[in-house]
C-alpha cells in the first residue's frame, strides 16, 4: 500500500506518516526506491496495537 493509500485509510495527512516514519512510531514499511510501501498485515498489527478498545474481560473487571 502506498503512503497516500494508507493516509486515506487512517484519515490523516500523508505528511503525518512521513513524520511517524522518521520517528519510527508508525506502521512498518519497506523502501522501494524513494517510496515507502506498507503491507496490509503490518498495518493491521499496528492498528491493533494502537486501538483504544479494551478486551471485554478487562472492561468487566473495571466496571463495578
C-alpha atoms as a PDB file:
ATOM      1  CA  UNK A   1       0.000   0.000   0.000  1.00  0.00           C
ATOM      2  CA  UNK A   2       1.333   3.449  -0.817  1.00  0.00           C
ATOM      3  CA  UNK A   3       1.695   6.301   1.652  1.00  0.00           C
ATOM      4  CA  UNK A   4      -1.279   8.073   0.086  1.00  0.00           C
ATOM      5  CA  UNK A   5      -3.397   4.909   0.291  1.00  0.00           C
ATOM      6  CA  UNK A   6      -2.562   4.459   3.962  1.00  0.00           C
ATOM      7  CA  UNK A   7      -3.186   8.129   4.723  1.00  0.00           C
ATOM      8  CA  UNK A   8      -6.674   7.756   3.242  1.00  0.00           C
ATOM      9  CA  UNK A   9      -7.286   4.586   5.247  1.00  0.00           C
ATOM     10  CA  UNK A  10      -6.263   6.271   8.510  1.00  0.00           C
ATOM     11  CA  UNK A  11      -7.878   9.623   7.611  1.00  0.00           C
ATOM     12  CA  UNK A  12      -4.643  11.511   8.267  1.00  0.00           C
ATOM     13  CA  UNK A  13      -2.326  13.644   6.115  1.00  0.00           C
ATOM     14  CA  UNK A  14       0.452  11.801   4.281  1.00  0.00           C
ATOM     15  CA  UNK A  15       2.914  14.161   5.992  1.00  0.00           C
ATOM     16  CA  UNK A  16       1.945  12.628   9.330  1.00  0.00           C
ATOM     17  CA  UNK A  17       3.045   9.234   8.024  1.00  0.00           C
ATOM     18  CA  UNK A  18       6.355  10.768   6.947  1.00  0.00           C
ATOM     19  CA  UNK A  19       6.882  12.155  10.464  1.00  0.00           C
ATOM     20  CA  UNK A  20       5.975   8.826  12.017  1.00  0.00           C
ATOM     21  CA  UNK A  21       8.407   7.041   9.687  1.00  0.00           C
ATOM     22  CA  UNK A  22      11.201   9.426  10.749  1.00  0.00           C
ATOM     23  CA  UNK A  23      10.392   8.869  14.410  1.00  0.00           C
ATOM     24  CA  UNK A  24       9.975   5.101  13.980  1.00  0.00           C
ATOM     25  CA  UNK A  25       6.496   5.230  15.511  1.00  0.00           C
ATOM     26  CA  UNK A  26       4.225   4.374  12.587  1.00  0.00           C
ATOM     27  CA  UNK A  27       3.435   1.082  10.883  1.00  0.00           C
ATOM     28  CA  UNK A  28       6.321  -0.981   9.496  1.00  0.00           C
ATOM     29  CA  UNK A  29       7.195  -0.210   5.902  1.00  0.00           C
ATOM     30  CA  UNK A  30       9.636  -1.186   3.168  1.00  0.00           C
ATOM     31  CA  UNK A  31      11.546   1.233   0.971  1.00  0.00           C
ATOM     32  CA  UNK A  32      11.229   0.696  -2.755  1.00  0.00           C
ATOM     33  CA  UNK A  33      13.470   3.334  -4.254  1.00  0.00           C
ATOM     34  CA  UNK A  34      12.311   6.632  -2.765  1.00  0.00           C
ATOM     35  CA  UNK A  35       8.883   5.289  -1.864  1.00  0.00           C
ATOM     36  CA  UNK A  36       7.540   3.704   1.311  1.00  0.00           C
ATOM     37  CA  UNK A  37       5.232   0.737   0.875  1.00  0.00           C
ATOM     38  CA  UNK A  38       3.141  -0.759   3.659  1.00  0.00           C
ATOM     39  CA  UNK A  39       1.980  -4.375   3.923  1.00  0.00           C
ATOM     40  CA  UNK A  40      -1.619  -4.863   4.988  1.00  0.00           C
ATOM     41  CA  UNK A  41      -0.605  -7.349   7.707  1.00  0.00           C
ATOM     42  CA  UNK A  42       1.780  -4.760   9.223  1.00  0.00           C
ATOM     43  CA  UNK A  43      -0.907  -2.058   9.066  1.00  0.00           C
ATOM     44  CA  UNK A  44      -3.451  -4.282  10.799  1.00  0.00           C
ATOM     45  CA  UNK A  45      -0.952  -5.221  13.512  1.00  0.00           C
ATOM     46  CA  UNK A  46      -0.110  -1.549  14.099  1.00  0.00           C
ATOM     47  CA  UNK A  47      -3.810  -0.614  14.172  1.00  0.00           C
ATOM     48  CA  UNK A  48      -4.477  -3.364  16.705  1.00  0.00           C
ATOM     49  CA  UNK A  49      -1.595  -2.203  18.938  1.00  0.00           C
ATOM     50  CA  UNK A  50      -2.816   1.383  18.831  1.00  0.00           C
ATOM     51  CA  UNK A  51      -6.558   0.847  19.180  1.00  0.00           C
ATOM     52  CA  UNK A  52      -8.410   2.238  22.174  1.00  0.00           C
ATOM     53  CA  UNK A  53     -10.577  -0.848  22.518  1.00  0.00           C
ATOM     54  CA  UNK A  54     -10.111  -2.847  25.706  1.00  0.00           C
ATOM     55  CA  UNK A  55     -10.694  -6.602  25.873  1.00  0.00           C
ATOM     56  CA  UNK A  56     -14.149  -7.486  27.248  1.00  0.00           C
ATOM     57  CA  UNK A  57     -12.671  -9.215  30.327  1.00  0.00           C
ATOM     58  CA  UNK A  58     -10.770  -6.070  31.253  1.00  0.00           C
ATOM     59  CA  UNK A  59     -13.918  -3.927  30.881  1.00  0.00           C
ATOM     60  CA  UNK A  60     -15.910  -6.262  33.156  1.00  0.00           C
ATOM     61  CA  UNK A  61     -13.243  -6.073  35.891  1.00  0.00           C
ATOM     62  CA  UNK A  62     -13.167  -2.274  35.918  1.00  0.00           C
ATOM     63  CA  UNK A  63     -16.934  -1.651  35.610  1.00  0.00           C
ATOM     64  CA  UNK A  64     -18.028  -2.118  39.254  1.00  0.00           C
END
